[in-house]
Amino acid sequence: YRGRMKNPLLIKKYANRRLYDTEKSTYISLNHVAEFIKQGRQVKVLDAKSQEDVTAFILTQIILEEAKNNNTLLPVPLLHLIIQYGGSILSEFFEKYLQLTLQNYLRYKAVFDEQFKNWLGPGKDFSSTTDKPLKHLNPFQSFFDAFANPSKESEKKDR
């Protein structure tokens, strides 16, 4: 796995929006790129003509496609804030804090899932019933709720 992180899969993006896997010498889709990443593989996407690194653009495109298919990504009020302050304060937040927050959440979830399985006792394998045993638990809900439901204090200020 560490070797894969040091040597990301190089993908070339052509003007016709086609993506080319340089390891397998074949054209691939955004879904293929997403699958590589889900398997733990790092990718680097270069514009075939200019050699510009367009990895962030392609990864954002994957996230937006998944959000479109699920009809949800982030709460609408948070999206408004991202658009309103995107060039300054929120970009700093995303760069410095969001990645760390998600990594900590994933570590917490893995430990909690393991403790929960131990609590249920040996011989109880629930992995066959669901891929994500605690999908319904969302520690970020209060964070998102803060944008969807303004606090009482802000309502008092508006009066």
N, C-alpha and C. Protein backbone atom coordinates (compact mmCIF):
# COMPACT_ATOMS: atom_id res chain seq x y z
N TYR A 1 0.83 -1.20 0.00
CA TYR A 1 0.00 0.00 0.00
C TYR A 1 0.86 1.25 0.00
N ARG A 2 1.92 1.28 0.83
CA ARG A 2 2.78 2.46 0.87
C ARG A 2 3.41 2.73 -0.48
N GLY A 3 3.77 1.68 -1.19
CA GLY A 3 4.35 1.85 -2.52
C GLY A 3 3.38 2.51 -3.47
N ARG A 4 2.12 2.22 -3.30
CA ARG A 4 1.11 2.82 -4.17
C ARG A 4 0.97 4.31 -3.89
N MET A 5 1.19 4.71 -2.62
CA MET A 5 1.07 6.12 -2.29
C MET A 5 2.24 6.91 -2.86
N LYS A 6 3.45 6.29 -2.87
CA LYS A 6 4.63 6.97 -3.39
C LYS A 6 4.59 7.06 -4.91
N ASN A 7 4.00 6.05 -5.54
CA ASN A 7 3.92 6.01 -7.00
C ASN A 7 2.46 6.01 -7.43
N PRO A 8 1.86 7.18 -7.50
CA PRO A 8 0.45 7.21 -7.88
C PRO A 8 0.25 6.77 -9.33
N LEU A 9 -0.94 6.28 -9.59
CA LEU A 9 -1.31 5.91 -10.94
C LEU A 9 -1.38 7.17 -11.78
N LEU A 10 -0.62 7.24 -12.85
CA LEU A 10 -0.63 8.41 -13.74
C LEU A 10 -1.73 8.23 -14.78
N ILE A 11 -2.60 9.22 -14.81
CA ILE A 11 -3.71 9.23 -15.77
C ILE A 11 -3.57 10.48 -16.61
N LYS A 12 -3.72 10.32 -17.92
CA LYS A 12 -3.68 11.49 -18.81
C LYS A 12 -5.10 11.85 -19.22
N LYS A 13 -5.37 13.16 -19.18
CA LYS A 13 -6.68 13.67 -19.57
C LYS A 13 -6.52 14.35 -20.93
N TYR A 14 -7.27 13.88 -21.88
CA TYR A 14 -7.20 14.44 -23.23
C TYR A 14 -8.29 15.48 -23.43
N ALA A 15 -8.13 16.30 -24.45
CA ALA A 15 -9.05 17.40 -24.73
C ALA A 15 -10.48 16.92 -24.92
N ASN A 16 -10.65 15.74 -25.43
CA ASN A 16 -11.99 15.19 -25.64
C ASN A 16 -12.59 14.62 -24.36
N ARG A 17 -11.98 14.97 -23.20
CA ARG A 17 -12.44 14.59 -21.86
C ARG A 17 -12.21 13.11 -21.56
N ARG A 18 -11.45 12.42 -22.40
CA ARG A 18 -11.15 11.02 -22.16
C ARG A 18 -9.97 10.92 -21.21
N LEU A 19 -10.02 9.88 -20.38
CA LEU A 19 -8.96 9.63 -19.40
C LEU A 19 -8.22 8.36 -19.82
N TYR A 20 -6.88 8.41 -19.73
CA TYR A 20 -6.05 7.31 -20.20
C TYR A 20 -5.19 6.79 -19.06
N ASP A 21 -5.37 5.51 -18.71
CA ASP A 21 -4.58 4.83 -17.69
C ASP A 21 -3.25 4.45 -18.31
N THR A 22 -2.16 5.09 -17.84
CA THR A 22 -0.84 4.85 -18.45
C THR A 22 -0.25 3.49 -18.05
N GLU A 23 -0.72 2.88 -16.97
CA GLU A 23 -0.20 1.56 -16.58
C GLU A 23 -0.77 0.45 -17.44
N LYS A 24 -2.07 0.53 -17.71
CA LYS A 24 -2.74 -0.53 -18.48
C LYS A 24 -2.90 -0.16 -19.95
N SER A 25 -2.48 1.05 -20.31
CA SER A 25 -2.59 1.53 -21.69
C SER A 25 -4.00 1.38 -22.24
N THR A 26 -4.94 1.95 -21.47
CA THR A 26 -6.33 1.87 -21.89
C THR A 26 -7.09 3.10 -21.42
N TYR A 27 -8.17 3.40 -22.12
CA TYR A 27 -9.02 4.52 -21.71
C TYR A 27 -9.92 4.05 -20.57
N ILE A 28 -10.17 4.96 -19.63
CA ILE A 28 -10.98 4.65 -18.47
C ILE A 28 -12.00 5.76 -18.24
N SER A 29 -12.96 5.47 -17.37
CA SER A 29 -14.00 6.46 -17.04
C SER A 29 -13.72 7.05 -15.66
N LEU A 30 -14.52 8.05 -15.29
CA LEU A 30 -14.44 8.60 -13.94
C LEU A 30 -14.75 7.51 -12.91
N ASN A 31 -15.65 6.60 -13.23
CA ASN A 31 -15.98 5.50 -12.32
C ASN A 31 -14.77 4.62 -12.04
N HIS A 32 -13.96 4.38 -13.07
CA HIS A 32 -12.74 3.60 -12.88
C HIS A 32 -11.79 4.31 -11.92
N VAL A 33 -11.63 5.61 -12.11
CA VAL A 33 -10.75 6.40 -11.23
C VAL A 33 -11.26 6.31 -9.79
N ALA A 34 -12.57 6.45 -9.61
CA ALA A 34 -13.16 6.36 -8.28
C ALA A 34 -12.89 4.98 -7.66
N GLU A 35 -12.99 3.93 -8.45
CA GLU A 35 -12.73 2.58 -7.94
C GLU A 35 -11.28 2.42 -7.51
N PHE A 36 -10.34 2.96 -8.29
CA PHE A 36 -8.92 2.90 -7.90
C PHE A 36 -8.73 3.54 -6.53
N ILE A 37 -9.34 4.69 -6.34
CA ILE A 37 -9.20 5.43 -5.09
C ILE A 37 -9.85 4.67 -3.94
N LYS A 38 -11.02 4.09 -4.19
CA LYS A 38 -11.71 3.32 -3.15
C LYS A 38 -10.89 2.10 -2.73
N GLN A 39 -10.06 1.61 -3.64
CA GLN A 39 -9.18 0.48 -3.33
C GLN A 39 -7.90 0.94 -2.64
N GLY A 40 -7.78 2.25 -2.38
CA GLY A 40 -6.62 2.78 -1.67
C GLY A 40 -5.52 3.30 -2.57
N ARG A 41 -5.76 3.35 -3.84
CA ARG A 41 -4.75 3.80 -4.80
C ARG A 41 -4.79 5.32 -4.93
N GLN A 42 -3.64 5.94 -4.96
CA GLN A 42 -3.53 7.37 -5.23
C GLN A 42 -3.44 7.55 -6.75
N VAL A 43 -3.99 8.64 -7.25
CA VAL A 43 -3.92 8.92 -8.68
C VAL A 43 -3.38 10.32 -8.90
N LYS A 44 -2.78 10.51 -10.05
CA LYS A 44 -2.34 11.83 -10.49
C LYS A 44 -2.81 11.97 -11.92
N VAL A 45 -3.54 13.07 -12.18
CA VAL A 45 -4.10 13.27 -13.51
C VAL A 45 -3.42 14.49 -14.13
N LEU A 46 -2.83 14.28 -15.30
CA LEU A 46 -2.17 15.36 -16.02
C LEU A 46 -2.88 15.62 -17.33
N ASP A 47 -3.01 16.90 -17.68
CA ASP A 47 -3.53 17.26 -18.99
C ASP A 47 -2.51 16.78 -20.02
N ALA A 48 -2.96 16.01 -21.00
CA ALA A 48 -2.05 15.39 -21.96
C ALA A 48 -1.30 16.42 -22.79
N LYS A 49 -1.92 17.55 -23.08
CA LYS A 49 -1.28 18.56 -23.93
C LYS A 49 -0.37 19.49 -23.14
N SER A 50 -0.89 20.06 -22.05
CA SER A 50 -0.14 21.08 -21.30
C SER A 50 0.69 20.50 -20.15
N GLN A 51 0.46 19.24 -19.78
CA GLN A 51 1.10 18.58 -18.63
C GLN A 51 0.71 19.22 -17.30
N GLU A 52 -0.35 20.05 -17.29
CA GLU A 52 -0.84 20.66 -16.07
C GLU A 52 -1.49 19.59 -15.18
N ASP A 53 -1.25 19.68 -13.88
CA ASP A 53 -1.85 18.75 -12.93
C ASP A 53 -3.32 19.13 -12.74
N VAL A 54 -4.22 18.25 -13.18
CA VAL A 54 -5.66 18.50 -13.07
C VAL A 54 -6.33 17.49 -12.14
N THR A 55 -5.53 16.92 -11.23
CA THR A 55 -6.05 15.90 -10.31
C THR A 55 -7.21 16.43 -9.48
N ALA A 56 -7.04 17.61 -8.88
CA ALA A 56 -8.10 18.16 -8.02
C ALA A 56 -9.40 18.34 -8.81
N PHE A 57 -9.29 18.80 -10.04
CA PHE A 57 -10.48 18.99 -10.87
C PHE A 57 -11.19 17.66 -11.12
N ILE A 58 -10.44 16.62 -11.47
CA ILE A 58 -11.03 15.31 -11.77
C ILE A 58 -11.65 14.70 -10.51
N LEU A 59 -10.96 14.81 -9.36
CA LEU A 59 -11.50 14.25 -8.12
C LEU A 59 -12.77 14.99 -7.70
N THR A 60 -12.78 16.31 -7.89
CA THR A 60 -13.98 17.09 -7.59
C THR A 60 -15.12 16.67 -8.51
N GLN A 61 -14.80 16.42 -9.76
CA GLN A 61 -15.81 15.97 -10.72
C GLN A 61 -16.42 14.63 -10.28
N ILE A 62 -15.59 13.73 -9.75
CA ILE A 62 -16.08 12.43 -9.26
C ILE A 62 -17.04 12.65 -8.10
N ILE A 63 -16.65 13.50 -7.16
CA ILE A 63 -17.49 13.77 -5.99
C ILE A 63 -18.82 14.38 -6.42
N LEU A 64 -18.77 15.32 -7.37
CA LEU A 64 -20.01 15.95 -7.82
C LEU A 64 -20.92 14.96 -8.56
N GLU A 65 -20.34 14.05 -9.33
CA GLU A 65 -21.14 13.03 -10.00
C GLU A 65 -21.82 12.12 -8.99
N GLU A 66 -21.08 11.73 -7.94
CA GLU A 66 -21.68 10.88 -6.91
C GLU A 66 -22.77 11.64 -6.17
N ALA A 67 -22.55 12.92 -5.91
CA ALA A 67 -23.56 13.74 -5.24
C ALA A 67 -24.80 13.87 -6.12
N LYS A 68 -24.60 14.03 -7.42
CA LYS A 68 -25.73 14.14 -8.36
C LYS A 68 -26.54 12.85 -8.37
N ASN A 69 -25.85 11.73 -8.36
CA ASN A 69 -26.54 10.43 -8.37
C ASN A 69 -27.30 10.18 -7.07
N ASN A 70 -26.75 10.65 -5.95
CA ASN A 70 -27.40 10.45 -4.65
C ASN A 70 -28.28 11.64 -4.27
N ASN A 71 -28.24 12.69 -5.06
CA ASN A 71 -29.00 13.92 -4.83
C ASN A 71 -28.67 14.55 -3.48
N THR A 72 -27.44 14.38 -3.03
CA THR A 72 -27.03 15.01 -1.78
C THR A 72 -25.51 14.97 -1.65
N LEU A 73 -24.97 15.99 -1.10
CA LEU A 73 -23.55 16.01 -0.74
C LEU A 73 -23.40 16.78 0.55
N LEU A 74 -23.73 18.05 0.50
CA LEU A 74 -23.66 18.92 1.66
C LEU A 74 -24.97 19.67 1.78
N PRO A 75 -25.33 20.08 2.98
CA PRO A 75 -26.57 20.84 3.15
C PRO A 75 -26.52 22.16 2.36
N VAL A 76 -27.65 22.56 1.82
CA VAL A 76 -27.74 23.75 0.98
C VAL A 76 -27.18 25.00 1.68
N PRO A 77 -27.50 25.25 2.96
CA PRO A 77 -26.93 26.45 3.60
C PRO A 77 -25.40 26.42 3.63
N LEU A 78 -24.81 25.25 3.82
CA LEU A 78 -23.35 25.14 3.80
C LEU A 78 -22.82 25.41 2.40
N LEU A 79 -23.50 24.93 1.39
CA LEU A 79 -23.09 25.20 0.01
C LEU A 79 -23.12 26.70 -0.28
N HIS A 80 -24.13 27.40 0.24
CA HIS A 80 -24.19 28.85 0.09
C HIS A 80 -22.96 29.51 0.70
N LEU A 81 -22.57 29.06 1.90
CA LEU A 81 -21.38 29.62 2.55
C LEU A 81 -20.12 29.34 1.76
N ILE A 82 -20.02 28.14 1.20
CA ILE A 82 -18.85 27.80 0.41
C ILE A 82 -18.74 28.73 -0.79
N ILE A 83 -19.86 28.99 -1.45
CA ILE A 83 -19.84 29.89 -2.60
C ILE A 83 -19.54 31.31 -2.16
N GLN A 84 -20.16 31.73 -1.07
CA GLN A 84 -19.98 33.11 -0.60
C GLN A 84 -18.55 33.39 -0.17
N TYR A 85 -17.92 32.47 0.58
CA TYR A 85 -16.59 32.70 1.13
C TYR A 85 -15.52 31.78 0.53
N GLY A 86 -15.87 31.08 -0.53
CA GLY A 86 -15.00 30.04 -1.07
C GLY A 86 -13.58 30.46 -1.34
N GLY A 87 -13.34 31.67 -1.78
CA GLY A 87 -12.00 32.09 -2.13
C GLY A 87 -11.12 32.39 -0.96
N SER A 88 -11.67 32.45 0.24
CA SER A 88 -10.83 32.86 1.36
C SER A 88 -10.95 31.92 2.54
N ILE A 89 -11.88 32.19 3.42
CA ILE A 89 -11.92 31.48 4.70
C ILE A 89 -12.26 29.99 4.56
N LEU A 90 -13.18 29.64 3.69
CA LEU A 90 -13.53 28.22 3.56
C LEU A 90 -12.45 27.42 2.87
N SER A 91 -11.73 28.00 1.93
CA SER A 91 -10.64 27.25 1.30
C SER A 91 -9.57 26.93 2.33
N GLU A 92 -9.31 27.86 3.25
CA GLU A 92 -8.36 27.60 4.33
C GLU A 92 -8.88 26.47 5.22
N PHE A 93 -10.17 26.50 5.54
CA PHE A 93 -10.77 25.44 6.35
C PHE A 93 -10.61 24.09 5.67
N PHE A 94 -10.93 24.02 4.38
CA PHE A 94 -10.83 22.76 3.67
C PHE A 94 -9.39 22.27 3.62
N GLU A 95 -8.45 23.17 3.36
CA GLU A 95 -7.05 22.77 3.27
C GLU A 95 -6.50 22.29 4.60
N LYS A 96 -6.80 23.01 5.68
CA LYS A 96 -6.16 22.74 6.96
C LYS A 96 -6.93 21.76 7.84
N TYR A 97 -8.25 21.84 7.85
CA TYR A 97 -9.00 21.14 8.88
C TYR A 97 -9.89 20.00 8.39
N LEU A 98 -10.47 20.11 7.22
CA LEU A 98 -11.42 19.10 6.79
C LEU A 98 -10.77 17.73 6.62
N GLN A 99 -9.61 17.69 5.98
CA GLN A 99 -8.93 16.41 5.79
C GLN A 99 -8.60 15.76 7.13
N LEU A 100 -8.07 16.52 8.06
CA LEU A 100 -7.74 16.00 9.38
C LEU A 100 -9.00 15.52 10.11
N THR A 101 -10.07 16.28 10.00
CA THR A 101 -11.34 15.91 10.64
C THR A 101 -11.86 14.59 10.08
N LEU A 102 -11.83 14.43 8.76
CA LEU A 102 -12.32 13.19 8.15
C LEU A 102 -11.43 12.01 8.52
N GLN A 103 -10.11 12.22 8.55
CA GLN A 103 -9.21 11.14 8.94
C GLN A 103 -9.48 10.70 10.38
N ASN A 104 -9.68 11.66 11.27
CA ASN A 104 -9.98 11.34 12.66
C ASN A 104 -11.31 10.60 12.77
N TYR A 105 -12.30 11.04 12.00
CA TYR A 105 -13.60 10.37 12.00
C TYR A 105 -13.46 8.91 11.56
N LEU A 106 -12.69 8.67 10.50
CA LEU A 106 -12.53 7.31 9.99
C LEU A 106 -11.82 6.41 11.02
N ARG A 107 -10.83 6.97 11.73
CA ARG A 107 -10.16 6.20 12.79
C ARG A 107 -11.14 5.89 13.92
N TYR A 108 -11.90 6.90 14.33
CA TYR A 108 -12.89 6.74 15.38
C TYR A 108 -13.92 5.68 14.99
N LYS A 109 -14.40 5.75 13.76
CA LYS A 109 -15.42 4.82 13.28
C LYS A 109 -14.88 3.40 13.28
N ALA A 110 -13.64 3.20 12.84
CA ALA A 110 -13.05 1.86 12.81
C ALA A 110 -12.95 1.28 14.21
N VAL A 111 -12.50 2.08 15.17
CA VAL A 111 -12.40 1.62 16.56
C VAL A 111 -13.79 1.33 17.12
N PHE A 112 -14.73 2.21 16.87
CA PHE A 112 -16.09 2.03 17.37
C PHE A 112 -16.73 0.78 16.76
N ASP A 113 -16.55 0.58 15.44
CA ASP A 113 -17.10 -0.61 14.78
C ASP A 113 -16.55 -1.88 15.42
N GLU A 114 -15.22 -1.88 15.68
CA GLU A 114 -14.59 -3.05 16.28
C GLU A 114 -15.11 -3.29 17.69
N GLN A 115 -15.23 -2.23 18.49
CA GLN A 115 -15.75 -2.37 19.85
C GLN A 115 -17.20 -2.85 19.83
N PHE A 116 -17.97 -2.36 18.90
CA PHE A 116 -19.37 -2.76 18.78
C PHE A 116 -19.47 -4.25 18.45
N LYS A 117 -18.62 -4.71 17.52
CA LYS A 117 -18.61 -6.13 17.16
C LYS A 117 -18.22 -6.97 18.37
N ASN A 118 -17.22 -6.51 19.14
CA ASN A 118 -16.81 -7.24 20.35
C ASN A 118 -17.93 -7.25 21.39
N TRP A 119 -18.65 -6.18 21.51
CA TRP A 119 -19.74 -6.07 22.46
C TRP A 119 -20.86 -7.06 22.13
N LEU A 120 -21.10 -7.23 20.83
CA LEU A 120 -22.15 -8.16 20.41
C LEU A 120 -21.77 -9.60 20.70
N GLY A 121 -20.49 -9.85 20.81
CA GLY A 121 -20.03 -11.19 21.15
C GLY A 121 -19.49 -11.93 19.96
N PRO A 122 -18.70 -12.96 20.25
CA PRO A 122 -18.09 -13.75 19.17
C PRO A 122 -19.15 -14.53 18.40
N GLY A 123 -18.84 -14.77 17.15
CA GLY A 123 -19.75 -15.55 16.32
C GLY A 123 -20.84 -14.74 15.67
N LYS A 124 -20.93 -13.47 15.99
CA LYS A 124 -21.94 -12.60 15.38
C LYS A 124 -21.26 -11.82 14.25
N ASP A 125 -21.49 -12.23 13.02
CA ASP A 125 -20.90 -11.56 11.88
C ASP A 125 -21.99 -10.81 11.13
N PHE A 126 -21.98 -9.50 11.29
CA PHE A 126 -23.00 -8.68 10.64
C PHE A 126 -22.49 -8.09 9.33
N SER A 127 -21.27 -8.44 8.94
CA SER A 127 -20.72 -7.86 7.72
C SER A 127 -21.50 -8.31 6.50
N SER A 128 -22.18 -9.45 6.57
CA SER A 128 -22.95 -9.91 5.42
C SER A 128 -24.24 -9.12 5.24
N THR A 129 -24.68 -8.42 6.29
CA THR A 129 -25.94 -7.70 6.17
C THR A 129 -25.75 -6.29 5.64
N THR A 130 -24.56 -5.76 5.78
CA THR A 130 -24.31 -4.40 5.30
C THR A 130 -22.83 -4.17 5.12
N ASP A 131 -22.49 -3.33 4.15
CA ASP A 131 -21.08 -2.97 3.93
C ASP A 131 -20.59 -2.02 4.99
N LYS A 132 -21.48 -1.17 5.47
CA LYS A 132 -21.11 -0.14 6.43
C LYS A 132 -22.02 -0.29 7.64
N PRO A 133 -21.57 -1.03 8.65
CA PRO A 133 -22.45 -1.39 9.76
C PRO A 133 -23.04 -0.21 10.51
N LEU A 134 -22.34 0.91 10.58
CA LEU A 134 -22.86 2.04 11.36
C LEU A 134 -23.15 3.24 10.46
N LYS A 135 -23.61 2.96 9.26
CA LYS A 135 -23.87 4.02 8.29
C LYS A 135 -24.84 5.07 8.81
N HIS A 136 -25.80 4.65 9.64
CA HIS A 136 -26.82 5.58 10.13
C HIS A 136 -26.27 6.54 11.18
N LEU A 137 -25.09 6.28 11.76
CA LEU A 137 -24.52 7.19 12.74
C LEU A 137 -23.68 8.23 12.02
N ASN A 138 -23.94 9.48 12.28
CA ASN A 138 -23.21 10.54 11.60
C ASN A 138 -22.72 11.56 12.61
N PRO A 139 -21.44 11.48 13.03
CA PRO A 139 -20.95 12.43 14.02
C PRO A 139 -20.89 13.86 13.51
N PHE A 140 -21.01 14.05 12.20
CA PHE A 140 -20.99 15.40 11.63
C PHE A 140 -22.37 16.02 11.59
N GLN A 141 -23.41 15.27 12.02
CA GLN A 141 -24.78 15.78 11.91
C GLN A 141 -24.95 17.11 12.62
N SER A 142 -24.38 17.25 13.82
CA SER A 142 -24.54 18.52 14.53
C SER A 142 -23.84 19.64 13.78
N PHE A 143 -22.73 19.33 13.11
CA PHE A 143 -22.04 20.33 12.30
C PHE A 143 -22.94 20.80 11.16
N PHE A 144 -23.57 19.84 10.45
CA PHE A 144 -24.45 20.20 9.35
C PHE A 144 -25.72 20.88 9.85
N ASP A 145 -26.23 20.42 11.00
CA ASP A 145 -27.43 21.02 11.56
C ASP A 145 -27.22 22.49 11.91
N ALA A 146 -26.01 22.85 12.26
CA ALA A 146 -25.71 24.24 12.60
C ALA A 146 -25.99 25.16 11.41
N PHE A 147 -25.82 24.62 10.19
CA PHE A 147 -26.08 25.42 9.00
C PHE A 147 -27.54 25.36 8.58
N ALA A 148 -28.18 24.25 8.86
CA ALA A 148 -29.57 24.08 8.46
C ALA A 148 -30.53 24.71 9.47
N ASN A 149 -30.16 24.73 10.77
CA ASN A 149 -31.01 25.26 11.82
C ASN A 149 -30.24 26.31 12.62
N PRO A 150 -30.36 27.58 12.27
CA PRO A 150 -29.61 28.60 12.99
C PRO A 150 -29.92 28.56 14.48
N SER A 151 -28.96 28.93 15.29
CA SER A 151 -29.14 28.88 16.74
C SER A 151 -30.14 29.93 17.20
N LYS A 152 -30.65 29.74 18.39
CA LYS A 152 -31.61 30.68 18.98
C LYS A 152 -30.99 32.07 19.12
N GLU A 153 -29.67 32.10 19.38
CA GLU A 153 -29.00 33.39 19.56
C GLU A 153 -29.09 34.23 18.28
N SER A 154 -28.87 33.60 17.12
CA SER A 154 -28.92 34.36 15.89
C SER A 154 -30.35 34.81 15.59
N GLU A 155 -31.35 34.02 16.04
CA GLU A 155 -32.74 34.43 15.83
C GLU A 155 -33.06 35.66 16.68
N LYS A 156 -32.51 35.71 17.90
CA LYS A 156 -32.74 36.85 18.78
C LYS A 156 -32.13 38.12 18.19
N LYS A 157 -30.98 37.99 17.57
CA LYS A 157 -30.31 39.15 16.98
C LYS A 157 -31.13 39.73 15.82
N ASP A 158 -31.83 38.85 15.11
CA ASP A 158 -32.61 39.30 13.95
C ASP A 158 -33.85 40.10 14.36
N ARG A 159 -34.27 40.00 15.61
CA ARG A 159 -35.52 40.65 16.04
C ARG A 159 -35.33 42.09 16.37
